[in-house]
C-alpha atoms as a PDB file:
ATOM      1  CA  UNK A   1     113.572 -23.274 170.404  1.00  0.00           C
ATOM      2  CA  UNK A   2     116.386 -21.747 172.473  1.00  0.00           C
ATOM      3  CA  UNK A   3     115.284 -18.871 174.690  1.00  0.00           C
ATOM      4  CA  UNK A   4     117.281 -15.683 174.202  1.00  0.00           C
ATOM      5  CA  UNK A   5     115.624 -13.252 176.606  1.00  0.00           C
ATOM      6  CA  UNK A   6     118.998 -12.786 178.302  1.00  0.00           C
ATOM      7  CA  UNK A   7     122.591 -13.488 177.416  1.00  0.00           C
ATOM      8  CA  UNK A   8     125.973 -12.147 178.438  1.00  0.00           C
ATOM      9  CA  UNK A   9     129.451 -11.520 177.102  1.00  0.00           C
ATOM     10  CA  UNK A  10     131.444  -9.110 179.251  1.00  0.00           C
ATOM     11  CA  UNK A  11     128.167  -7.405 180.154  1.00  0.00           C
ATOM     12  CA  UNK A  12     124.625  -8.691 180.769  1.00  0.00           C
ATOM     13  CA  UNK A  13     122.136  -8.194 177.919  1.00  0.00           C
ATOM     14  CA  UNK A  14     118.348  -8.395 177.966  1.00  0.00           C
ATOM     15  CA  UNK A  15     116.110  -8.590 174.939  1.00  0.00           C
ATOM     16  CA  UNK A  16     112.541  -9.209 173.880  1.00  0.00           C
ATOM     17  CA  UNK A  17     110.989  -9.174 170.399  1.00  0.00           C
ATOM     18  CA  UNK A  18     109.189  -5.885 169.751  1.00  0.00           C
ATOM     19  CA  UNK A  19     111.516  -3.908 172.044  1.00  0.00           C
ATOM     20  CA  UNK A  20     113.251  -0.573 171.282  1.00  0.00           C
ATOM     21  CA  UNK A  21     116.983  -0.176 172.004  1.00  0.00           C
ATOM     22  CA  UNK A  22     119.830   2.314 172.108  1.00  0.00           C
ATOM     23  CA  UNK A  23     122.963   0.481 170.964  1.00  0.00           C
ATOM     24  CA  UNK A  24     126.613   1.489 170.708  1.00  0.00           C
ATOM     25  CA  UNK A  25     129.385  -0.572 169.191  1.00  0.00           C
ATOM     26  CA  UNK A  26     133.029   0.239 168.483  1.00  0.00           C
ATOM     27  CA  UNK A  27     136.041  -0.566 166.361  1.00  0.00           C
ATOM     28  CA  UNK A  28     138.176  -3.321 167.867  1.00  0.00           C
ATOM     29  CA  UNK A  29     141.082  -0.949 168.616  1.00  0.00           C
ATOM     30  CA  UNK A  30     139.048   2.064 169.758  1.00  0.00           C
ATOM     31  CA  UNK A  31     139.259   1.469 173.528  1.00  0.00           C
ATOM     32  CA  UNK A  32     142.413   0.300 175.353  1.00  0.00           C
ATOM     33  CA  UNK A  33     142.124  -3.159 176.958  1.00  0.00           C
ATOM     34  CA  UNK A  34     140.896  -3.087 180.566  1.00  0.00           C
ATOM     35  CA  UNK A  35     140.206   0.668 180.334  1.00  0.00           C
ATOM     36  CA  UNK A  36     136.637   0.117 181.557  1.00  0.00           C
ATOM     37  CA  UNK A  37     137.319  -2.846 183.836  1.00  0.00           C
ATOM     38  CA  UNK A  38     136.402  -0.956 187.026  1.00  0.00           C
ATOM     39  CA  UNK A  39     133.034   0.096 185.602  1.00  0.00           C
ATOM     40  CA  UNK A  40     132.405  -3.354 184.162  1.00  0.00           C
ATOM     41  CA  UNK A  41     133.028  -5.013 187.539  1.00  0.00           C
ATOM     42  CA  UNK A  42     130.761  -2.502 189.296  1.00  0.00           C
ATOM     43  CA  UNK A  43     128.024  -3.244 186.780  1.00  0.00           C
ATOM     44  CA  UNK A  44     128.360  -6.988 187.268  1.00  0.00           C
ATOM     45  CA  UNK A  45     128.225  -6.566 191.054  1.00  0.00           C
ATOM     46  CA  UNK A  46     125.124  -4.376 190.860  1.00  0.00           C
ATOM     47  CA  UNK A  47     123.381  -6.936 188.670  1.00  0.00           C
ATOM     48  CA  UNK A  48     124.404  -9.743 191.012  1.00  0.00           C
ATOM     49  CA  UNK A  49     122.893  -7.878 193.964  1.00  0.00           C
ATOM     50  CA  UNK A  50     119.546  -7.693 192.146  1.00  0.00           C
ATOM     51  CA  UNK A  51     119.632 -11.401 191.322  1.00  0.00           C
ATOM     52  CA  UNK A  52     120.454 -12.361 194.927  1.00  0.00           C
ATOM     53  CA  UNK A  53     117.696 -10.096 196.274  1.00  0.00           C
ATOM     54  CA  UNK A  54     115.126 -11.689 193.957  1.00  0.00           C
ATOM     55  CA  UNK A  55     116.281 -15.203 194.893  1.00  0.00           C
ATOM     56  CA  UNK A  56     115.860 -14.357 198.574  1.00  0.00           C
ATOM     57  CA  UNK A  57     112.421 -12.792 198.002  1.00  0.00           C
ATOM     58  CA  UNK A  58     113.568  -9.423 199.308  1.00  0.00           C
ATOM     59  CA  UNK A  59     111.014  -6.612 199.547  1.00  0.00           C
ATOM     60  CA  UNK A  60     110.193  -5.037 196.160  1.00  0.00           C
ATOM     61  CA  UNK A  61     111.138  -1.595 197.448  1.00  0.00           C
ATOM     62  CA  UNK A  62     114.675  -2.847 198.130  1.00  0.00           C
ATOM     63  CA  UNK A  63     114.863  -4.418 194.662  1.00  0.00           C
ATOM     64  CA  UNK A  64     113.724  -1.133 193.115  1.00  0.00           C
ATOM     65  CA  UNK A  65     116.547   0.661 194.940  1.00  0.00           C
ATOM     66  CA  UNK A  66     119.045  -1.879 193.635  1.00  0.00           C
ATOM     67  CA  UNK A  67     117.729  -1.366 190.101  1.00  0.00           C
ATOM     68  CA  UNK A  68     118.227   2.386 190.477  1.00  0.00           C
ATOM     69  CA  UNK A  69     121.789   1.700 191.603  1.00  0.00           C
ATOM     70  CA  UNK A  70     122.349  -0.570 188.584  1.00  0.00           C
ATOM     71  CA  UNK A  71     121.030   2.090 186.184  1.00  0.00           C
ATOM     72  CA  UNK A  72     123.268   4.707 187.796  1.00  0.00           C
ATOM     73  CA  UNK A  73     126.350   2.499 187.394  1.00  0.00           C
ATOM     74  CA  UNK A  74     125.383   1.789 183.787  1.00  0.00           C
ATOM     75  CA  UNK A  75     125.126   5.524 183.033  1.00  0.00           C
ATOM     76  CA  UNK A  76     128.598   6.020 184.534  1.00  0.00           C
ATOM     77  CA  UNK A  77     129.882   3.152 182.396  1.00  0.00           C
ATOM     78  CA  UNK A  78     128.426   4.615 179.192  1.00  0.00           C
ATOM     79  CA  UNK A  79     129.749   8.104 179.949  1.00  0.00           C
ATOM     80  CA  UNK A  80     133.234   6.718 180.572  1.00  0.00           C
ATOM     81  CA  UNK A  81     133.015   4.730 177.327  1.00  0.00           C
ATOM     82  CA  UNK A  82     131.918   7.746 175.306  1.00  0.00           C
ATOM     83  CA  UNK A  83     134.639   9.945 176.820  1.00  0.00           C
ATOM     84  CA  UNK A  84     137.263   7.339 175.896  1.00  0.00           C
ATOM     85  CA  UNK A  85     135.937   7.007 172.366  1.00  0.00           C
ATOM     86  CA  UNK A  86     136.101  10.765 171.835  1.00  0.00           C
ATOM     87  CA  UNK A  87     139.715  10.843 173.042  1.00  0.00           C
ATOM     88  CA  UNK A  88     140.913   8.002 170.816  1.00  0.00           C
ATOM     89  CA  UNK A  89     141.920   9.342 167.388  1.00  0.00           C
ATOM     90  CA  UNK A  90     144.337   6.696 166.108  1.00  0.00           C
ATOM     91  CA  UNK A  91     142.027   3.782 165.243  1.00  0.00           C
ATOM     92  CA  UNK A  92     142.978   1.694 162.221  1.00  0.00           C
ATOM     93  CA  UNK A  93     139.824   2.733 160.335  1.00  0.00           C
ATOM     94  CA  UNK A  94     138.038   6.078 160.044  1.00  0.00           C
ATOM     95  CA  UNK A  95     134.371   5.136 159.858  1.00  0.00           C
ATOM     96  CA  UNK A  96     133.392   8.717 159.000  1.00  0.00           C
ATOM     97  CA  UNK A  97     134.997   8.622 155.546  1.00  0.00           C
ATOM     98  CA  UNK A  98     132.328   8.785 152.840  1.00  0.00           C
ATOM     99  CA  UNK A  99     133.025   5.330 151.421  1.00  0.00           C
ATOM    100  CA  UNK A 100     132.764   3.787 154.907  1.00  0.00           C
ATOM    101  CA  UNK A 101     129.646   5.754 155.786  1.00  0.00           C
ATOM    102  CA  UNK A 102     127.875   4.471 152.679  1.00  0.00           C
ATOM    103  CA  UNK A 103     128.656   0.883 153.682  1.00  0.00           C
ATOM    104  CA  UNK A 104     127.348   1.497 157.189  1.00  0.00           C
ATOM    105  CA  UNK A 105     124.167   3.152 155.931  1.00  0.00           C
ATOM    106  CA  UNK A 106     123.487   0.098 153.801  1.00  0.00           C
ATOM    107  CA  UNK A 107     124.121  -2.078 156.858  1.00  0.00           C
ATOM    108  CA  UNK A 108     121.970  -0.129 159.312  1.00  0.00           C
ATOM    109  CA  UNK A 109     119.070   0.010 156.853  1.00  0.00           C
ATOM    110  CA  UNK A 110     119.344  -3.592 155.657  1.00  0.00           C
ATOM    111  CA  UNK A 111     116.619  -5.004 157.930  1.00  0.00           C
ATOM    112  CA  UNK A 112     114.491  -1.841 157.900  1.00  0.00           C
ATOM    113  CA  UNK A 113     110.805  -2.661 157.361  1.00  0.00           C
ATOM    114  CA  UNK A 114     111.531  -6.396 157.596  1.00  0.00           C
ATOM    115  CA  UNK A 115     112.861  -6.909 161.106  1.00  0.00           C
ATOM    116  CA  UNK A 116     113.393  -3.435 162.567  1.00  0.00           C
ATOM    117  CA  UNK A 117     112.111   0.138 162.621  1.00  0.00           C
ATOM    118  CA  UNK A 118     114.885   2.736 162.571  1.00  0.00           C
ATOM    119  CA  UNK A 119     114.704   5.930 164.653  1.00  0.00           C
ATOM    120  CA  UNK A 120     118.202   7.431 164.345  1.00  0.00           C
ATOM    121  CA  UNK A 121     121.866   6.575 163.981  1.00  0.00           C
ATOM    122  CA  UNK A 122     125.222   8.324 163.969  1.00  0.00           C
ATOM    123  CA  UNK A 123     128.449   7.011 162.453  1.00  0.00           C
ATOM    124  CA  UNK A 124     131.350   8.450 164.436  1.00  0.00           C
ATOM    125  CA  UNK A 125     135.045   7.996 163.474  1.00  0.00           C
ATOM    126  CA  UNK A 126     135.483   4.931 165.704  1.00  0.00           C
ATOM    127  CA  UNK A 127     132.001   3.906 166.860  1.00  0.00           C
ATOM    128  CA  UNK A 128     128.300   3.867 166.008  1.00  0.00           C
ATOM    129  CA  UNK A 129     125.227   4.932 167.969  1.00  0.00           C
ATOM    130  CA  UNK A 130     121.955   3.384 166.823  1.00  0.00           C
ATOM    131  CA  UNK A 131     118.360   3.747 168.045  1.00  0.00           C
ATOM    132  CA  UNK A 132     115.802   1.313 166.649  1.00  0.00           C
ATOM    133  CA  UNK A 133     112.993  -1.111 167.480  1.00  0.00           C
ATOM    134  CA  UNK A 134     112.927  -4.803 166.670  1.00  0.00           C
ATOM    135  CA  UNK A 135     109.717  -6.242 165.273  1.00  0.00           C
ATOM    136  CA  UNK A 136     108.018  -8.961 167.268  1.00  0.00           C
ATOM    137  CA  UNK A 137     108.253 -11.290 164.257  1.00  0.00           C
ATOM    138  CA  UNK A 138     110.262 -11.210 161.061  1.00  0.00           C
ATOM    139  CA  UNK A 139     109.113 -11.703 157.482  1.00  0.00           C
ATOM    140  CA  UNK A 140     109.036 -15.455 158.108  1.00  0.00           C
ATOM    141  CA  UNK A 141     107.011 -15.250 161.318  1.00  0.00           C
ATOM    142  CA  UNK A 142     109.976 -15.908 163.635  1.00  0.00           C
ATOM    143  CA  UNK A 143     110.736 -13.805 166.772  1.00  0.00           C
ATOM    144  CA  UNK A 144     113.262 -11.004 166.216  1.00  0.00           C
ATOM    145  CA  UNK A 145     116.040 -10.822 168.811  1.00  0.00           C
ATOM    146  CA  UNK A 146     118.521  -7.994 169.278  1.00  0.00           C
ATOM    147  CA  UNK A 147     121.410 -10.456 169.477  1.00  0.00           C
ATOM    148  CA  UNK A 148     120.684 -11.778 165.984  1.00  0.00           C
ATOM    149  CA  UNK A 149     120.319  -8.295 164.487  1.00  0.00           C
ATOM    150  CA  UNK A 150     123.663  -7.158 165.922  1.00  0.00           C
ATOM    151  CA  UNK A 151     125.468 -10.305 164.799  1.00  0.00           C
ATOM    152  CA  UNK A 152     124.086  -9.825 161.302  1.00  0.00           C
ATOM    153  CA  UNK A 153     124.951  -6.138 160.872  1.00  0.00           C
ATOM    154  CA  UNK A 154     128.417  -6.446 162.421  1.00  0.00           C
ATOM    155  CA  UNK A 155     129.308  -9.428 160.252  1.00  0.00           C
ATOM    156  CA  UNK A 156     127.931  -7.815 157.075  1.00  0.00           C
ATOM    157  CA  UNK A 157     129.629  -4.456 157.637  1.00  0.00           C
ATOM    158  CA  UNK A 158     132.937  -6.067 158.653  1.00  0.00           C
ATOM    159  CA  UNK A 159     133.030  -8.038 155.405  1.00  0.00           C
ATOM    160  CA  UNK A 160     132.240  -4.934 153.354  1.00  0.00           C
ATOM    161  CA  UNK A 161     134.795  -2.742 155.128  1.00  0.00           C
ATOM    162  CA  UNK A 162     137.614  -5.267 154.823  1.00  0.00           C
ATOM    163  CA  UNK A 163     136.825  -5.828 151.141  1.00  0.00           C
ATOM    164  CA  UNK A 164     136.995  -2.078 150.557  1.00  0.00           C
ATOM    165  CA  UNK A 165     140.541  -1.763 151.899  1.00  0.00           C
ATOM    166  CA  UNK A 166     141.667  -5.166 150.663  1.00  0.00           C
ATOM    167  CA  UNK A 167     142.739  -6.637 153.972  1.00  0.00           C
ATOM    168  CA  UNK A 168     141.517  -9.092 156.580  1.00  0.00           C
ATOM    169  CA  UNK A 169     141.305  -8.896 160.333  1.00  0.00           C
ATOM    170  CA  UNK A 170     139.002  -7.988 163.199  1.00  0.00           C
ATOM    171  CA  UNK A 171     136.909  -4.867 162.639  1.00  0.00           C
ATOM    172  CA  UNK A 172     134.498  -4.652 165.600  1.00  0.00           C
ATOM    173  CA  UNK A 173     134.726  -5.348 169.304  1.00  0.00           C
ATOM    174  CA  UNK A 174     132.760  -8.498 170.088  1.00  0.00           C
ATOM    175  CA  UNK A 175     130.846  -6.653 172.823  1.00  0.00           C
ATOM    176  CA  UNK A 176     128.052  -4.188 172.092  1.00  0.00           C
ATOM    177  CA  UNK A 177     126.546  -1.757 174.594  1.00  0.00           C
ATOM    178  CA  UNK A 178     122.751  -1.836 174.531  1.00  0.00           C
ATOM    179  CA  UNK A 179     120.127  -0.121 176.643  1.00  0.00           C
ATOM    180  CA  UNK A 180     116.447  -1.047 176.634  1.00  0.00           C
ATOM    181  CA  UNK A 181     114.219   1.946 175.865  1.00  0.00           C
ATOM    182  CA  UNK A 182     111.735   2.306 178.728  1.00  0.00           C
ATOM    183  CA  UNK A 183     109.241   4.891 177.417  1.00  0.00           C
ATOM    184  CA  UNK A 184     108.776   7.743 174.925  1.00  0.00           C
ATOM    185  CA  UNK A 185     110.798  10.206 177.019  1.00  0.00           C
ATOM    186  CA  UNK A 186     113.687   7.755 177.186  1.00  0.00           C
ATOM    187  CA  UNK A 187     113.396   7.216 173.418  1.00  0.00           C
ATOM    188  CA  UNK A 188     113.623  10.950 172.748  1.00  0.00           C
ATOM    189  CA  UNK A 189     116.668  11.290 174.998  1.00  0.00           C
ATOM    190  CA  UNK A 190     118.378   8.403 173.203  1.00  0.00           C
ATOM    191  CA  UNK A 191     117.674   9.996 169.804  1.00  0.00           C
ATOM    192  CA  UNK A 192     118.910  13.408 170.994  1.00  0.00           C
ATOM    193  CA  UNK A 193     122.060  11.821 172.427  1.00  0.00           C
ATOM    194  CA  UNK A 194     122.730   9.974 169.178  1.00  0.00           C
ATOM    195  CA  UNK A 195     122.236  13.011 166.946  1.00  0.00           C
ATOM    196  CA  UNK A 196     124.296  15.321 169.152  1.00  0.00           C
ATOM    197  CA  UNK A 197     127.209  12.965 169.781  1.00  0.00           C
ATOM    198  CA  UNK A 198     129.452  14.703 167.185  1.00  0.00           C
ATOM    199  CA  UNK A 199     128.589  18.047 168.801  1.00  0.00           C
ATOM    200  CA  UNK A 200     129.544  16.721 172.234  1.00  0.00           C
ATOM    201  CA  UNK A 201     132.811  15.409 170.775  1.00  0.00           C
ATOM    202  CA  UNK A 202     133.621  18.891 169.435  1.00  0.00           C
ATOM    203  CA  UNK A 203     133.539  17.821 165.793  1.00  0.00           C
ATOM    204  CA  UNK A 204     130.737  20.172 164.664  1.00  0.00           C
ATOM    205  CA  UNK A 205     128.539  22.900 166.141  1.00  0.00           C
ATOM    206  CA  UNK A 206     125.256  21.461 164.859  1.00  0.00           C
ATOM    207  CA  UNK A 207     124.335  17.816 164.334  1.00  0.00           C
ATOM    208  CA  UNK A 208     123.043  18.511 160.822  1.00  0.00           C
ATOM    209  CA  UNK A 209     126.601  19.441 159.816  1.00  0.00           C
ATOM    210  CA  UNK A 210     127.948  15.986 160.649  1.00  0.00           C
ATOM    211  CA  UNK A 211     128.247  13.418 157.898  1.00  0.00           C
ATOM    212  CA  UNK A 212     126.853  10.011 158.730  1.00  0.00           C
ATOM    213  CA  UNK A 213     123.969  11.100 160.939  1.00  0.00           C
ATOM    214  CA  UNK A 214     120.430  10.042 160.021  1.00  0.00           C
ATOM    215  CA  UNK A 215     117.128  10.901 161.684  1.00  0.00           C
ATOM    216  CA  UNK A 216     114.053   8.957 160.616  1.00  0.00           C
ATOM    217  CA  UNK A 217     110.882  11.031 160.520  1.00  0.00           C
ATOM    218  CA  UNK A 218     107.430   9.714 161.423  1.00  0.00           C
ATOM    219  CA  UNK A 219     106.248  10.172 157.835  1.00  0.00           C
ATOM    220  CA  UNK A 220     109.092   8.018 156.543  1.00  0.00           C
ATOM    221  CA  UNK A 221     111.373  10.872 155.519  1.00  0.00           C
ATOM    222  CA  UNK A 222     114.993  11.189 156.618  1.00  0.00           C
ATOM    223  CA  UNK A 223     117.681  13.792 157.161  1.00  0.00           C
ATOM    224  CA  UNK A 224     121.217  12.803 156.276  1.00  0.00           C
ATOM    225  CA  UNK A 225     124.607  14.398 155.659  1.00  0.00           C
ATOM    226  CA  UNK A 226     127.785  13.264 153.886  1.00  0.00           C
ATOM    227  CA  UNK A 227     131.169  14.961 154.041  1.00  0.00           C
ATOM    228  CA  UNK A 228     131.674  17.412 151.181  1.00  0.00           C
END
């Protein structure tokens, strides 16, 4: 069986079954081409430095410093991405319309209890933030990889959205932006960031007022809002 612990498109991705993630993905026309090229190149260089250091058996303390540098560059990348997404208001599709939100809820909950555990998500006008954990094995006993989950939900939602408006074409960017959740504190920060993204964008004063935001409670309950 093909190993999928790492793969890359424009950015490097790392995945293991049973891992929690914070994922962002965007409409195909939500970010201008090459707008994040400088950050993307810096991220690639930082990752390359780590790989070279490991190949040369450099001291672990040096590798740890390089990892801190990589994480810092990644945070800068994600901030720049989010700032751009909040500025762009002329995308071809408004994901926050009720009919689109309902499609995306169905999509984000499709594998719930079978291949993933949901923690929170937020459907913004031109992008989605999603916090969840993949199961180690699916309902058929096969390993669950982030790559497969994202391909499935993007394909499913794209088909539904294009059917709704009666047209064809690209819906999502091929790249997704994923971060591995390191511990419970990191998980809580990712959930808080996801829920408060519409507040940060100046769309509402309280996350509970934003349509398309869902928080999954430990007892299985949820909080969710649709536009009136």
